Amino acid sequence: MSGKELRLKRIFKKERVLVLALDHGMGMGPQPGLINPETTIAKCIEGGIDAVLTSPGIAGMYPNLFSSIGLIVRLDGGFTILKGGIDRAIPCYTVEHALRLGCDAVACMGFIGGNEVQEQNSLQALSEYVENCSLWQVPLMVEMIALKSDQPDMTEGTKAQIAVRTGVEFGADFIKTPYVSEGDDFKHAVQGSFKPVLILGGGKVTDKELLTSVKKAVNEGALGAVIGRNIWQHKNPEKISKALSLVIHDGEDVEKAIVFAGL
């Protein structure tokens, strides 16, 4: 078993995985739910998360929290809400730095579409991370996002399929991407990936909407979810974590998961 395979097993301890995304403070500052990350992470561990995606700063501040769960460290960024959006992400940290923090995996963005410079720069940065992750035997999670396409007739579902497959072709070990509810397009994206696909949480939605989208994604082949503000901005982070865990790991119905979690 390679070092990469061993590290992946620390994240995918079960067949599927629920990841808490707690890297938003790198660009958003101390939002409600992020003001005391230690408390939030502890509550979510109690609720049943399997891993945390976070910044190098948070990973270094609370190592005691990550002994029982997987640790995924984000390596790119370089922007805040004061100046543009996530599509401006650039490489900021090395794989070696994340290893010194005790990571099990690292994460970066992967953009397709947009303008020519955006796509080329993003995929070039991705390829360099892949090479370094191979050298150090560290799994790489790539957050694949399809930006505006020059082809006006291309559907969001088709873009999702291209985004997921592009990440895999470039060498990602697992993919984080939005769920697309257009017909069977998301299922086809997963089938064409050959690597684990996790859906991201996106903007704020109701508990039922969140759990329903995760349930659909899992039914269509996703191996879990990476959820941020819909957990850490929730009034009961541990309860929504439990409900998500029930849906992802136990295949529970949405309504029953809500009841069993006490939401």
C-alpha atoms as a PDB file:
ATOM      1  CA  MET A   1       0.000   0.000   0.000  1.00  0.00           C
ATOM      2  CA  SER A   2       1.386   3.404  -0.982  1.00  0.00           C
ATOM      3  CA  GLY A   3       1.571   6.411   1.317  1.00  0.00           C
ATOM      4  CA  LYS A   4      -1.166   8.085  -0.697  1.00  0.00           C
ATOM      5  CA  GLU A   5      -3.475   5.095  -0.319  1.00  0.00           C
ATOM      6  CA  LEU A   6      -2.842   5.005   3.424  1.00  0.00           C
ATOM      7  CA  ARG A   7      -3.683   8.689   3.796  1.00  0.00           C
ATOM      8  CA  LEU A   8      -6.832   8.300   1.721  1.00  0.00           C
ATOM      9  CA  LYS A   9      -7.997   5.579   4.084  1.00  0.00           C
ATOM     10  CA  ARG A  10      -7.778   8.042   6.968  1.00  0.00           C
ATOM     11  CA  ILE A  11     -10.335  10.218   5.183  1.00  0.00           C
ATOM     12  CA  PHE A  12     -12.490   7.500   3.629  1.00  0.00           C
ATOM     13  CA  LYS A  13     -12.623   5.341   6.760  1.00  0.00           C
ATOM     14  CA  LYS A  14     -16.087   4.315   5.683  1.00  0.00           C
ATOM     15  CA  GLU A  15     -17.297   3.873   2.121  1.00  0.00           C
ATOM     16  CA  ARG A  16     -18.537   7.471   2.072  1.00  0.00           C
ATOM     17  CA  VAL A  17     -17.374  10.669   3.746  1.00  0.00           C
ATOM     18  CA  LEU A  18     -18.801  13.845   5.290  1.00  0.00           C
ATOM     19  CA  VAL A  19     -16.301  16.708   5.240  1.00  0.00           C
ATOM     20  CA  LEU A  20     -16.740  19.980   7.120  1.00  0.00           C
ATOM     21  CA  ALA A  21     -15.496  22.845   4.921  1.00  0.00           C
ATOM     22  CA  LEU A  22     -13.970  25.383   7.275  1.00  0.00           C
ATOM     23  CA  ASP A  23     -11.600  27.275   4.979  1.00  0.00           C
ATOM     24  CA  HIS A  24     -13.894  30.247   4.335  1.00  0.00           C
ATOM     25  CA  GLY A  25     -12.127  32.490   6.864  1.00  0.00           C
ATOM     26  CA  MET A  26      -9.176  32.780   4.468  1.00  0.00           C
ATOM     27  CA  GLY A  27     -11.210  35.253   2.422  1.00  0.00           C
ATOM     28  CA  MET A  28     -14.334  36.031   4.424  1.00  0.00           C
ATOM     29  CA  GLY A  29     -12.958  36.807   7.878  1.00  0.00           C
ATOM     30  CA  PRO A  30     -14.703  35.958  11.170  1.00  0.00           C
ATOM     31  CA  GLN A  31     -18.211  35.200   9.901  1.00  0.00           C
ATOM     32  CA  PRO A  32     -20.815  33.923  12.400  1.00  0.00           C
ATOM     33  CA  GLY A  33     -19.923  30.298  12.985  1.00  0.00           C
ATOM     34  CA  LEU A  34     -16.254  30.942  12.206  1.00  0.00           C
ATOM     35  CA  ILE A  35     -15.538  33.260  15.112  1.00  0.00           C
ATOM     36  CA  ASN A  36     -14.543  30.332  17.338  1.00  0.00           C
ATOM     37  CA  PRO A  37     -13.505  27.536  14.972  1.00  0.00           C
ATOM     38  CA  GLU A  38     -12.394  25.262  17.799  1.00  0.00           C
ATOM     39  CA  THR A  39     -15.908  25.139  19.237  1.00  0.00           C
ATOM     40  CA  THR A  40     -17.500  24.643  15.821  1.00  0.00           C
ATOM     41  CA  ILE A  41     -15.152  21.817  14.848  1.00  0.00           C
ATOM     42  CA  ALA A  42     -15.652  20.064  18.205  1.00  0.00           C
ATOM     43  CA  LYS A  43     -19.450  20.199  17.820  1.00  0.00           C
ATOM     44  CA  CYS A  44     -19.266  18.818  14.293  1.00  0.00           C
ATOM     45  CA  ILE A  45     -17.000  15.970  15.369  1.00  0.00           C
ATOM     46  CA  GLU A  46     -19.616  15.122  17.972  1.00  0.00           C
ATOM     47  CA  GLY A  47     -22.214  15.177  15.204  1.00  0.00           C
ATOM     48  CA  GLY A  48     -20.288  12.687  13.084  1.00  0.00           C
ATOM     49  CA  ILE A  49     -18.128  14.444  10.485  1.00  0.00           C
ATOM     50  CA  ASP A  50     -15.300  12.351   9.037  1.00  0.00           C
ATOM     51  CA  ALA A  51     -12.864  15.066   8.001  1.00  0.00           C
ATOM     52  CA  VAL A  52     -12.250  18.817   7.935  1.00  0.00           C
ATOM     53  CA  LEU A  53     -11.131  20.972   5.016  1.00  0.00           C
ATOM     54  CA  THR A  54      -9.444  23.995   6.511  1.00  0.00           C
ATOM     55  CA  SER A  55      -6.723  26.613   6.162  1.00  0.00           C
ATOM     56  CA  PRO A  56      -3.077  26.154   7.152  1.00  0.00           C
ATOM     57  CA  GLY A  57      -3.623  28.609   9.994  1.00  0.00           C
ATOM     58  CA  ILE A  58      -6.506  26.706  11.584  1.00  0.00           C
ATOM     59  CA  ALA A  59      -4.798  23.360  10.977  1.00  0.00           C
ATOM     60  CA  GLY A  60      -1.784  24.628  12.927  1.00  0.00           C
ATOM     61  CA  MET A  61      -3.789  26.120  15.785  1.00  0.00           C
ATOM     62  CA  TYR A  62      -5.913  23.107  16.769  1.00  0.00           C
ATOM     63  CA  PRO A  63      -3.939  19.914  16.065  1.00  0.00           C
ATOM     64  CA  ASN A  64      -5.584  18.156  19.026  1.00  0.00           C
ATOM     65  CA  LEU A  65      -8.923  18.241  17.196  1.00  0.00           C
ATOM     66  CA  PHE A  66      -7.645  16.361  14.171  1.00  0.00           C
ATOM     67  CA  SER A  67      -6.388  13.183  15.825  1.00  0.00           C
ATOM     68  CA  SER A  68      -9.674  11.339  15.280  1.00  0.00           C
ATOM     69  CA  ILE A  69     -10.729  12.749  11.886  1.00  0.00           C
ATOM     70  CA  GLY A  70      -9.159  13.394   8.493  1.00  0.00           C
ATOM     71  CA  LEU A  71      -7.390  16.693   7.888  1.00  0.00           C
ATOM     72  CA  ILE A  72      -7.470  18.302   4.432  1.00  0.00           C
ATOM     73  CA  VAL A  73      -5.441  21.514   4.110  1.00  0.00           C
ATOM     74  CA  ARG A  74      -6.196  24.102   1.424  1.00  0.00           C
ATOM     75  CA  LEU A  75      -3.121  25.241  -0.475  1.00  0.00           C
ATOM     76  CA  ASP A  76      -4.493  28.050  -2.639  1.00  0.00           C
ATOM     77  CA  GLY A  77      -6.263  31.355  -2.023  1.00  0.00           C
ATOM     78  CA  GLY A  78      -4.797  34.827  -2.292  1.00  0.00           C
ATOM     79  CA  PHE A  79      -8.083  36.754  -2.387  1.00  0.00           C
ATOM     80  CA  THR A  80     -10.650  38.200   0.027  1.00  0.00           C
ATOM     81  CA  ILE A  81     -14.229  39.376  -0.338  1.00  0.00           C
ATOM     82  CA  LEU A  82     -12.833  42.914  -0.526  1.00  0.00           C
ATOM     83  CA  LYS A  83     -11.311  42.162  -3.914  1.00  0.00           C
ATOM     84  CA  GLY A  84     -13.088  39.758  -6.230  1.00  0.00           C
ATOM     85  CA  GLY A  85     -14.136  36.160  -5.811  1.00  0.00           C
ATOM     86  CA  ILE A  86     -12.984  32.580  -5.572  1.00  0.00           C
ATOM     87  CA  ASP A  87     -12.178  32.382  -9.289  1.00  0.00           C
ATOM     88  CA  ARG A  88      -9.092  34.500  -8.523  1.00  0.00           C
ATOM     89  CA  ALA A  89      -7.491  31.766  -6.379  1.00  0.00           C
ATOM     90  CA  ILE A  90      -3.746  31.350  -6.817  1.00  0.00           C
ATOM     91  CA  PRO A  91      -1.218  28.895  -5.285  1.00  0.00           C
ATOM     92  CA  CYS A  92      -0.137  30.048  -1.831  1.00  0.00           C
ATOM     93  CA  TYR A  93       1.274  27.052   0.086  1.00  0.00           C
ATOM     94  CA  THR A  94       3.327  23.965  -0.679  1.00  0.00           C
ATOM     95  CA  VAL A  95       2.474  20.313  -0.141  1.00  0.00           C
ATOM     96  CA  GLU A  96       5.474  20.104   2.195  1.00  0.00           C
ATOM     97  CA  HIS A  97       4.011  22.838   4.400  1.00  0.00           C
ATOM     98  CA  ALA A  98       0.727  20.945   4.702  1.00  0.00           C
ATOM     99  CA  LEU A  99       2.609  17.762   5.603  1.00  0.00           C
ATOM    100  CA  ARG A 100       4.345  19.576   8.439  1.00  0.00           C
ATOM    101  CA  LEU A 101       0.867  20.411   9.739  1.00  0.00           C
ATOM    102  CA  GLY A 102      -0.033  16.710   9.769  1.00  0.00           C
ATOM    103  CA  CYS A 103      -2.421  16.705   6.804  1.00  0.00           C
ATOM    104  CA  ASP A 104      -3.979  13.576   5.330  1.00  0.00           C
ATOM    105  CA  ALA A 105      -4.736  15.364   2.044  1.00  0.00           C
ATOM    106  CA  VAL A 106      -4.494  18.785   0.418  1.00  0.00           C
ATOM    107  CA  ALA A 107      -6.969  20.785  -1.650  1.00  0.00           C
ATOM    108  CA  CYS A 108      -6.926  23.301  -4.468  1.00  0.00           C
ATOM    109  CA  MET A 109      -9.316  24.862  -6.963  1.00  0.00           C
ATOM    110  CA  GLY A 110      -9.692  23.805 -10.587  1.00  0.00           C
ATOM    111  CA  PHE A 111     -11.515  26.126 -12.992  1.00  0.00           C
ATOM    112  CA  ILE A 112     -12.605  25.428 -16.535  1.00  0.00           C
ATOM    113  CA  GLY A 113     -14.237  27.978 -18.774  1.00  0.00           C
ATOM    114  CA  GLY A 114     -14.173  31.661 -17.922  1.00  0.00           C
ATOM    115  CA  ASN A 115     -11.572  33.572 -19.880  1.00  0.00           C
ATOM    116  CA  GLU A 116      -8.557  31.905 -21.433  1.00  0.00           C
ATOM    117  CA  VAL A 117      -6.132  33.140 -18.784  1.00  0.00           C
ATOM    118  CA  GLN A 118      -8.310  31.873 -15.921  1.00  0.00           C
ATOM    119  CA  GLU A 119      -8.574  28.364 -17.313  1.00  0.00           C
ATOM    120  CA  GLN A 120      -4.936  28.048 -18.331  1.00  0.00           C
ATOM    121  CA  ASN A 121      -3.565  29.447 -15.068  1.00  0.00           C
ATOM    122  CA  SER A 122      -5.853  27.250 -12.992  1.00  0.00           C
ATOM    123  CA  LEU A 123      -5.000  24.031 -14.810  1.00  0.00           C
ATOM    124  CA  GLN A 124      -1.286  24.854 -14.806  1.00  0.00           C
ATOM    125  CA  ALA A 125      -1.386  25.361 -11.022  1.00  0.00           C
ATOM    126  CA  LEU A 126      -3.364  22.126 -10.669  1.00  0.00           C
ATOM    127  CA  SER A 127      -0.785  20.166 -12.659  1.00  0.00           C
ATOM    128  CA  GLU A 128       2.032  21.450 -10.449  1.00  0.00           C
ATOM    129  CA  TYR A 129       0.170  20.422  -7.295  1.00  0.00           C
ATOM    130  CA  VAL A 130      -0.409  16.967  -8.809  1.00  0.00           C
ATOM    131  CA  GLU A 131       3.315  16.531  -9.399  1.00  0.00           C
ATOM    132  CA  ASN A 132       4.209  17.552  -5.838  1.00  0.00           C
ATOM    133  CA  CYS A 133       1.466  15.402  -4.342  1.00  0.00           C
ATOM    134  CA  SER A 134       2.814  12.433  -6.294  1.00  0.00           C
ATOM    135  CA  LEU A 135       6.324  13.132  -5.007  1.00  0.00           C
ATOM    136  CA  TRP A 136       5.175  13.293  -1.379  1.00  0.00           C
ATOM    137  CA  GLN A 137       2.424  10.669  -1.713  1.00  0.00           C
ATOM    138  CA  VAL A 138      -0.299  13.060  -0.528  1.00  0.00           C
ATOM    139  CA  PRO A 139      -3.881  12.794  -1.856  1.00  0.00           C
ATOM    140  CA  LEU A 140      -5.175  15.841  -3.715  1.00  0.00           C
ATOM    141  CA  MET A 141      -8.792  16.978  -3.588  1.00  0.00           C
ATOM    142  CA  VAL A 142      -9.600  19.358  -6.438  1.00  0.00           C
ATOM    143  CA  GLU A 143     -12.626  21.622  -6.278  1.00  0.00           C
ATOM    144  CA  MET A 144     -13.690  21.600  -9.928  1.00  0.00           C
ATOM    145  CA  ILE A 145     -15.855  24.536 -10.970  1.00  0.00           C
ATOM    146  CA  ALA A 146     -17.196  25.252 -14.465  1.00  0.00           C
ATOM    147  CA  LEU A 147     -17.244  28.984 -15.205  1.00  0.00           C
ATOM    148  CA  LYS A 148     -18.950  30.698 -18.133  1.00  0.00           C
ATOM    149  CA  SER A 149     -18.602  28.809 -21.400  1.00  0.00           C
ATOM    150  CA  ASP A 150     -17.925  30.263 -24.848  1.00  0.00           C
ATOM    151  CA  GLN A 151     -20.427  27.716 -26.174  1.00  0.00           C
ATOM    152  CA  PRO A 152     -23.896  29.197 -25.495  1.00  0.00           C
ATOM    153  CA  ASP A 153     -25.774  25.925 -25.939  1.00  0.00           C
ATOM    154  CA  MET A 154     -23.732  23.952 -23.410  1.00  0.00           C
ATOM    155  CA  THR A 155     -25.840  22.881 -20.431  1.00  0.00           C
ATOM    156  CA  GLU A 156     -24.732  23.034 -16.802  1.00  0.00           C
ATOM    157  CA  GLY A 157     -24.884  19.252 -16.723  1.00  0.00           C
ATOM    158  CA  THR A 158     -22.476  18.888 -19.626  1.00  0.00           C
ATOM    159  CA  LYS A 159     -20.144  21.442 -18.074  1.00  0.00           C
ATOM    160  CA  ALA A 160     -20.225  19.445 -14.842  1.00  0.00           C
ATOM    161  CA  GLN A 161     -19.230  16.283 -16.685  1.00  0.00           C
ATOM    162  CA  ILE A 162     -16.319  18.060 -18.344  1.00  0.00           C
ATOM    163  CA  ALA A 163     -15.229  19.684 -15.073  1.00  0.00           C
ATOM    164  CA  VAL A 164     -15.172  16.428 -13.113  1.00  0.00           C
ATOM    165  CA  ARG A 165     -13.390  14.477 -15.831  1.00  0.00           C
ATOM    166  CA  THR A 166     -10.851  17.262 -16.354  1.00  0.00           C
ATOM    167  CA  GLY A 167      -9.906  17.130 -12.674  1.00  0.00           C
ATOM    168  CA  VAL A 168      -9.426  13.378 -12.851  1.00  0.00           C
ATOM    169  CA  GLU A 169      -7.451  13.527 -16.102  1.00  0.00           C
ATOM    170  CA  PHE A 170      -5.103  16.075 -14.551  1.00  0.00           C
ATOM    171  CA  GLY A 171      -4.482  13.733 -11.607  1.00  0.00           C
ATOM    172  CA  ALA A 172      -6.904  14.560  -8.779  1.00  0.00           C
ATOM    173  CA  ASP A 173      -7.423  11.770  -6.247  1.00  0.00           C
ATOM    174  CA  PHE A 174     -10.945  12.913  -5.416  1.00  0.00           C
ATOM    175  CA  ILE A 175     -13.209  15.709  -6.611  1.00  0.00           C
ATOM    176  CA  LYS A 176     -15.353  18.323  -4.895  1.00  0.00           C
ATOM    177  CA  THR A 177     -17.946  19.844  -7.231  1.00  0.00           C
ATOM    178  CA  PRO A 178     -21.467  21.330  -7.271  1.00  0.00           C
ATOM    179  CA  TYR A 179     -24.421  18.989  -7.589  1.00  0.00           C
ATOM    180  CA  VAL A 180     -26.292  19.460 -10.868  1.00  0.00           C
ATOM    181  CA  SER A 181     -29.907  18.296 -10.976  1.00  0.00           C
ATOM    182  CA  GLU A 182     -30.267  18.336 -14.778  1.00  0.00           C
ATOM    183  CA  GLY A 183     -31.578  14.892 -15.732  1.00  0.00           C
ATOM    184  CA  ASP A 184     -28.929  12.189 -15.403  1.00  0.00           C
ATOM    185  CA  ASP A 185     -26.023  14.536 -16.027  1.00  0.00           C
ATOM    186  CA  PHE A 186     -24.584  14.327 -12.511  1.00  0.00           C
ATOM    187  CA  LYS A 187     -24.804  10.537 -12.544  1.00  0.00           C
ATOM    188  CA  HIS A 188     -22.954  10.514 -15.855  1.00  0.00           C
ATOM    189  CA  ALA A 189     -20.333  12.877 -14.420  1.00  0.00           C
ATOM    190  CA  VAL A 190     -19.713  10.476 -11.545  1.00  0.00           C
ATOM    191  CA  GLN A 191     -19.655   7.447 -13.832  1.00  0.00           C
ATOM    192  CA  GLY A 192     -17.048   9.118 -16.015  1.00  0.00           C
ATOM    193  CA  SER A 193     -14.816  10.156 -13.151  1.00  0.00           C
ATOM    194  CA  PHE A 194     -13.273   6.854 -11.944  1.00  0.00           C
ATOM    195  CA  LYS A 195     -12.426   8.714  -8.720  1.00  0.00           C
ATOM    196  CA  PRO A 196     -14.543   9.619  -5.672  1.00  0.00           C
ATOM    197  CA  VAL A 197     -16.819  12.605  -6.251  1.00  0.00           C
ATOM    198  CA  LEU A 198     -18.119  14.722  -3.356  1.00  0.00           C
ATOM    199  CA  ILE A 199     -20.656  17.508  -3.716  1.00  0.00           C
ATOM    200  CA  LEU A 200     -20.129  20.936  -2.210  1.00  0.00           C
ATOM    201  CA  GLY A 201     -22.718  22.632  -0.025  1.00  0.00           C
ATOM    202  CA  GLY A 202     -23.019  25.953  -1.843  1.00  0.00           C
ATOM    203  CA  GLY A 203     -25.141  28.830  -0.602  1.00  0.00           C
ATOM    204  CA  LYS A 204     -27.393  28.820   2.443  1.00  0.00           C
ATOM    205  CA  VAL A 205     -30.441  26.568   2.089  1.00  0.00           C
ATOM    206  CA  THR A 206     -32.961  24.945   4.403  1.00  0.00           C
ATOM    207  CA  ASP A 207     -32.141  21.707   6.205  1.00  0.00           C
ATOM    208  CA  LYS A 208     -34.531  19.769   3.999  1.00  0.00           C
ATOM    209  CA  GLU A 209     -33.114  21.260   0.796  1.00  0.00           C
ATOM    210  CA  LEU A 210     -29.563  20.453   1.885  1.00  0.00           C
ATOM    211  CA  LEU A 211     -30.309  16.886   2.919  1.00  0.00           C
ATOM    212  CA  THR A 212     -32.399  16.280  -0.203  1.00  0.00           C
ATOM    213  CA  SER A 213     -29.611  17.380  -2.542  1.00  0.00           C
ATOM    214  CA  VAL A 214     -27.076  15.250  -0.667  1.00  0.00           C
ATOM    215  CA  LYS A 215     -29.434  12.267  -0.762  1.00  0.00           C
ATOM    216  CA  LYS A 216     -29.928  12.674  -4.524  1.00  0.00           C
ATOM    217  CA  ALA A 217     -26.206  13.009  -5.125  1.00  0.00           C
ATOM    218  CA  VAL A 218     -25.403   9.888  -3.101  1.00  0.00           C
ATOM    219  CA  ASN A 219     -28.109   7.965  -4.945  1.00  0.00           C
ATOM    220  CA  GLU A 220     -26.440   9.053  -8.199  1.00  0.00           C
ATOM    221  CA  GLY A 221     -23.021   7.830  -7.162  1.00  0.00           C
ATOM    222  CA  ALA A 222     -21.416  10.575  -5.070  1.00  0.00           C
ATOM    223  CA  LEU A 223     -19.382   9.284  -2.153  1.00  0.00           C
ATOM    224  CA  GLY A 224     -20.371  12.097   0.165  1.00  0.00           C
ATOM    225  CA  ALA A 225     -20.269  15.856   0.588  1.00  0.00           C
ATOM    226  CA  VAL A 226     -18.081  18.777   1.611  1.00  0.00           C
ATOM    227  CA  ILE A 227     -20.360  21.191   3.454  1.00  0.00           C
ATOM    228  CA  GLY A 228     -19.443  24.619   4.803  1.00  0.00           C
ATOM    229  CA  ARG A 229     -21.823  27.394   5.799  1.00  0.00           C
ATOM    230  CA  ASN A 230     -24.847  25.086   5.907  1.00  0.00           C
ATOM    231  CA  ILE A 231     -23.092  23.437   8.849  1.00  0.00           C
ATOM    232  CA  TRP A 232     -21.044  26.148  10.541  1.00  0.00           C
ATOM    233  CA  GLN A 233     -23.762  28.809  10.214  1.00  0.00           C
ATOM    234  CA  HIS A 234     -26.407  26.398  11.462  1.00  0.00           C
ATOM    235  CA  LYS A 235     -27.863  27.061  14.909  1.00  0.00           C
ATOM    236  CA  ASN A 236     -27.063  23.415  15.782  1.00  0.00           C
ATOM    237  CA  PRO A 237     -23.909  22.371  13.871  1.00  0.00           C
ATOM    238  CA  GLU A 238     -23.752  19.012  15.654  1.00  0.00           C
ATOM    239  CA  LYS A 239     -27.372  18.162  14.787  1.00  0.00           C
ATOM    240  CA  ILE A 240     -27.140  19.011  11.092  1.00  0.00           C
ATOM    241  CA  SER A 241     -23.838  17.084  10.992  1.00  0.00           C
ATOM    242  CA  LYS A 242     -25.627  14.095  12.474  1.00  0.00           C
ATOM    243  CA  ALA A 243     -28.460  14.341   9.947  1.00  0.00           C
ATOM    244  CA  LEU A 244     -25.996  14.536   7.067  1.00  0.00           C
ATOM    245  CA  SER A 245     -24.072  11.582   8.445  1.00  0.00           C
ATOM    246  CA  LEU A 246     -27.274   9.538   8.648  1.00  0.00           C
ATOM    247  CA  VAL A 247     -28.087  10.298   5.006  1.00  0.00           C
ATOM    248  CA  ILE A 248     -24.543   9.719   3.732  1.00  0.00           C
ATOM    249  CA  HIS A 249     -23.463   6.719   5.806  1.00  0.00           C
ATOM    250  CA  ASP A 250     -26.725   4.992   6.673  1.00  0.00           C
ATOM    251  CA  GLY A 251     -28.770   5.804   3.588  1.00  0.00           C
ATOM    252  CA  GLU A 252     -31.466   7.265   5.822  1.00  0.00           C
ATOM    253  CA  ASP A 253     -34.476   9.064   4.362  1.00  0.00           C
ATOM    254  CA  VAL A 254     -34.385  12.840   4.634  1.00  0.00           C
ATOM    255  CA  GLU A 255     -37.430  13.156   6.892  1.00  0.00           C
ATOM    256  CA  LYS A 256     -36.230  10.417   9.245  1.00  0.00           C
ATOM    257  CA  ALA A 257     -32.738  11.915   9.391  1.00  0.00           C
ATOM    258  CA  ILE A 258     -34.229  15.241  10.429  1.00  0.00           C
ATOM    259  CA  VAL A 259     -36.216  13.558  13.211  1.00  0.00           C
ATOM    260  CA  PHE A 260     -33.385  11.285  14.407  1.00  0.00           C
ATOM    261  CA  ALA A 261     -30.974  14.221  14.542  1.00  0.00           C
ATOM    262  CA  GLY A 262     -33.426  16.284  16.599  1.00  0.00           C
ATOM    263  CA  LEU A 263     -33.677  19.136  14.121  1.00  0.00           C
END
